[in-house]
Amino acid sequence: MSEFEVLITGPVMPLIREGLEARFTTHKLHEIADKEAFIASHGAKIAGMVGGAGHGRIDGAFMSRFPNLRIVGNFGVGYDGVDAKWAGEHGILVTNTPDVLTDEVADLAIGLLISTIRRLPQADRYVRDGRWVKEGAFPLTASLREKKMGILGLGRIGGAIAHRAEAFGI
């Protein structure tokens, strides 16, 4: 194993975990019963940290407990959960995984838009409850045609949503 030891702050995808384990000595903080004792005895050995959404904030106070920390890899689009300013001031690199979910989020946004305007959950329930047979067709719903759409923020995701919306003439 490498002398570069990595602390994984919470559960990560097997692909990520296995990749780290193949290259480095890893420690899974979320599986360690006495976290304080572990940090006290191993803190100086940790040079890398991997965290992500739902793992808790990686703030300056936490990072300061690892005097040889050189990099924090945030498994997420942004790095709101990492005190990047503090890290930068202390020579610690902070990375993230930008654009990894852009298409999926944009697809879901358009799907939810269509589902809302066409009332798909309500229509599904109508059919499943047997109302189609008893009451006839589900009432007509609105269309996206000729509608205006506002998107707050035209970053990667907002731009991808706008691109998809063009196909509907919105």
Protein backbone atom coordinates (compact mmCIF):
# COMPACT_ATOMS: atom_id res chain seq x y z
CA MET A 1 0.00 0.00 0.00
CA SER A 2 0.97 3.61 -0.51
CA GLU A 3 2.27 5.79 2.29
CA PHE A 4 -0.47 8.21 1.22
CA GLU A 5 -3.37 7.40 3.55
CA VAL A 6 -6.93 8.42 2.72
CA LEU A 7 -9.83 9.01 5.06
CA ILE A 8 -13.24 8.28 3.55
CA THR A 9 -15.75 10.28 5.61
CA GLY A 10 -18.89 8.39 4.58
CA PRO A 11 -20.21 5.69 2.27
CA VAL A 12 -19.14 6.09 -1.36
CA MET A 13 -19.95 4.13 -4.49
CA PRO A 14 -18.10 0.80 -4.72
CA LEU A 15 -16.27 2.03 -7.83
CA ILE A 16 -14.79 4.95 -5.86
CA ARG A 17 -14.05 2.93 -2.72
CA GLU A 18 -12.40 0.08 -4.65
CA GLY A 19 -10.33 2.49 -6.71
CA LEU A 20 -9.03 4.17 -3.58
CA GLU A 21 -8.40 0.89 -1.80
CA ALA A 22 -6.36 -0.42 -4.75
CA ARG A 23 -4.00 2.54 -4.59
CA PHE A 24 -3.90 3.77 -1.01
CA THR A 25 -4.27 2.76 2.58
CA THR A 26 -7.84 3.81 3.33
CA HIS A 27 -9.82 4.33 6.51
CA LYS A 28 -13.61 4.54 6.55
CA LEU A 29 -14.52 7.06 9.25
CA HIS A 30 -18.18 6.04 9.18
CA GLU A 31 -17.21 2.47 10.16
CA ILE A 32 -14.89 3.44 13.02
CA ALA A 33 -16.53 3.17 16.45
CA ASP A 34 -14.23 5.57 18.31
CA LYS A 35 -13.67 8.34 15.79
CA GLU A 36 -11.92 10.63 18.28
CA ALA A 37 -9.38 7.97 19.23
CA PHE A 38 -8.77 7.16 15.57
CA ILE A 39 -8.16 10.82 14.68
CA ALA A 40 -5.87 11.24 17.68
CA SER A 41 -3.77 8.22 16.71
CA HIS A 42 -3.94 8.43 12.87
CA GLY A 43 -4.62 12.08 12.09
CA ALA A 44 -1.02 12.84 11.13
CA LYS A 45 -0.98 9.93 8.65
CA ILE A 46 -3.93 11.18 6.61
CA ALA A 47 -2.89 13.05 3.48
CA GLY A 48 -6.15 12.76 1.54
CA MET A 49 -9.80 12.88 2.42
CA VAL A 50 -12.84 11.86 0.41
CA GLY A 51 -16.27 13.15 1.33
CA GLY A 52 -19.52 13.96 -0.29
CA ALA A 53 -23.10 15.00 0.05
CA GLY A 54 -24.64 13.65 3.21
CA HIS A 55 -21.29 12.94 4.88
CA GLY A 56 -21.33 16.08 6.97
CA ARG A 57 -19.46 19.33 6.48
CA ILE A 58 -15.69 19.17 6.16
CA ASP A 59 -14.83 22.44 7.84
CA GLY A 60 -11.60 24.08 8.90
CA ALA A 61 -11.85 22.74 12.43
CA PHE A 62 -12.10 19.18 11.12
CA MET A 63 -9.34 19.55 8.51
CA SER A 64 -7.02 21.13 11.08
CA ARG A 65 -6.98 17.81 12.94
CA PHE A 66 -5.04 16.29 10.02
CA PRO A 67 -1.73 18.21 9.90
CA ASN A 68 -0.49 16.49 6.72
CA LEU A 69 -3.73 16.78 4.77
CA ARG A 70 -2.98 17.76 1.16
CA ILE A 71 -6.23 17.13 -0.72
CA VAL A 72 -9.96 16.83 -0.08
CA GLY A 73 -11.92 15.12 -2.83
CA ASN A 74 -15.58 16.00 -2.65
CA PHE A 75 -17.71 13.42 -4.42
CA GLY A 76 -20.35 15.85 -5.64
CA VAL A 77 -21.01 18.55 -8.20
CA GLY A 78 -20.09 21.47 -5.96
CA TYR A 79 -18.10 21.75 -2.81
CA ASP A 80 -20.51 23.57 -0.53
CA GLY A 81 -19.85 20.93 2.13
CA VAL A 82 -16.14 21.76 2.27
CA ASP A 83 -14.63 24.94 3.68
CA ALA A 84 -12.64 25.52 0.49
CA LYS A 85 -11.51 28.98 1.62
CA TRP A 86 -9.91 27.56 4.77
CA ALA A 87 -8.41 24.69 2.80
CA GLY A 88 -6.92 27.05 0.22
CA GLU A 89 -5.42 29.23 2.91
CA HIS A 90 -3.71 26.13 4.31
CA GLY A 91 -2.42 24.73 1.01
CA ILE A 92 -5.02 21.96 0.78
CA LEU A 93 -6.49 21.24 -2.66
CA VAL A 94 -10.25 20.75 -2.91
CA THR A 95 -11.71 18.88 -5.86
CA ASN A 96 -15.21 17.98 -6.92
CA THR A 97 -16.95 16.14 -9.74
CA PRO A 98 -18.50 18.89 -11.89
CA ASP A 99 -20.84 18.00 -14.71
CA VAL A 100 -21.24 14.40 -13.58
CA LEU A 101 -25.01 14.74 -13.18
CA THR A 102 -25.84 17.66 -15.48
CA ASP A 103 -27.72 15.60 -18.06
CA GLU A 104 -29.52 13.50 -15.46
CA VAL A 105 -30.72 16.55 -13.51
CA ALA A 106 -31.83 18.33 -16.69
CA ASP A 107 -33.68 15.22 -17.88
CA LEU A 108 -35.41 14.91 -14.52
CA ALA A 109 -36.36 18.61 -14.51
CA ILE A 110 -38.00 18.29 -17.93
CA GLY A 111 -39.66 15.04 -16.86
CA LEU A 112 -41.10 16.71 -13.76
CA LEU A 113 -42.24 19.67 -15.84
CA ILE A 114 -44.09 17.39 -18.28
CA SER A 115 -45.46 15.29 -15.43
CA THR A 116 -46.79 18.39 -13.69
CA ILE A 117 -48.38 20.12 -16.66
CA ARG A 118 -49.85 16.89 -18.06
CA ARG A 119 -50.88 15.69 -14.56
CA LEU A 120 -49.33 12.26 -15.11
CA PRO A 121 -49.43 11.10 -11.45
CA GLN A 122 -53.10 12.02 -11.21
CA ALA A 123 -53.91 10.31 -14.53
CA ASP A 124 -52.03 7.19 -13.42
CA ARG A 125 -53.99 7.06 -10.15
CA TYR A 126 -57.26 7.64 -12.09
CA VAL A 127 -56.59 4.59 -14.27
CA ARG A 128 -55.30 2.38 -11.43
CA ASP A 129 -58.36 3.18 -9.34
CA GLY A 130 -60.59 1.94 -12.18
CA ARG A 131 -62.16 5.33 -12.75
CA TRP A 132 -61.50 5.24 -16.52
CA VAL A 133 -63.99 2.39 -16.90
CA LYS A 134 -66.57 3.98 -14.58
CA GLU A 135 -66.19 7.70 -15.41
CA GLY A 136 -64.60 7.81 -18.86
CA ALA A 137 -61.41 9.40 -20.04
CA PHE A 138 -59.23 11.47 -17.74
CA PRO A 139 -59.82 15.21 -18.26
CA LEU A 140 -57.66 16.93 -20.86
CA THR A 141 -54.58 18.69 -19.54
CA ALA A 142 -52.47 21.68 -20.52
CA SER A 143 -49.67 21.63 -23.07
CA LEU A 144 -46.16 23.01 -23.06
CA ARG A 145 -46.65 24.39 -26.57
CA GLU A 146 -46.24 28.18 -26.74
CA LYS A 147 -45.50 28.44 -23.01
CA LYS A 148 -42.80 30.63 -21.50
CA MET A 149 -40.33 29.13 -19.09
CA GLY A 150 -38.07 30.86 -16.61
CA ILE A 151 -34.83 29.27 -15.46
CA LEU A 152 -33.08 30.70 -12.46
CA GLY A 153 -29.38 30.40 -13.20
CA LEU A 154 -27.96 29.37 -16.54
CA GLY A 155 -24.97 27.41 -15.39
CA ARG A 156 -24.33 23.88 -16.62
CA ILE A 157 -27.65 22.49 -15.42
CA GLY A 158 -29.78 25.52 -16.29
CA GLY A 159 -28.26 25.59 -19.77
CA ALA A 160 -28.95 21.89 -20.25
CA ILE A 161 -32.58 22.40 -19.18
CA ALA A 162 -32.92 25.34 -21.58
CA HIS A 163 -31.51 23.25 -24.42
CA ARG A 164 -34.05 20.50 -23.75
CA ALA A 165 -36.92 23.00 -23.41
CA GLU A 166 -36.20 24.28 -26.94
CA ALA A 167 -37.38 20.94 -28.31
CA PHE A 168 -40.82 21.63 -26.85
CA GLY A 169 -41.01 25.15 -28.28
CA ILE A 170 -40.97 26.65 -24.82
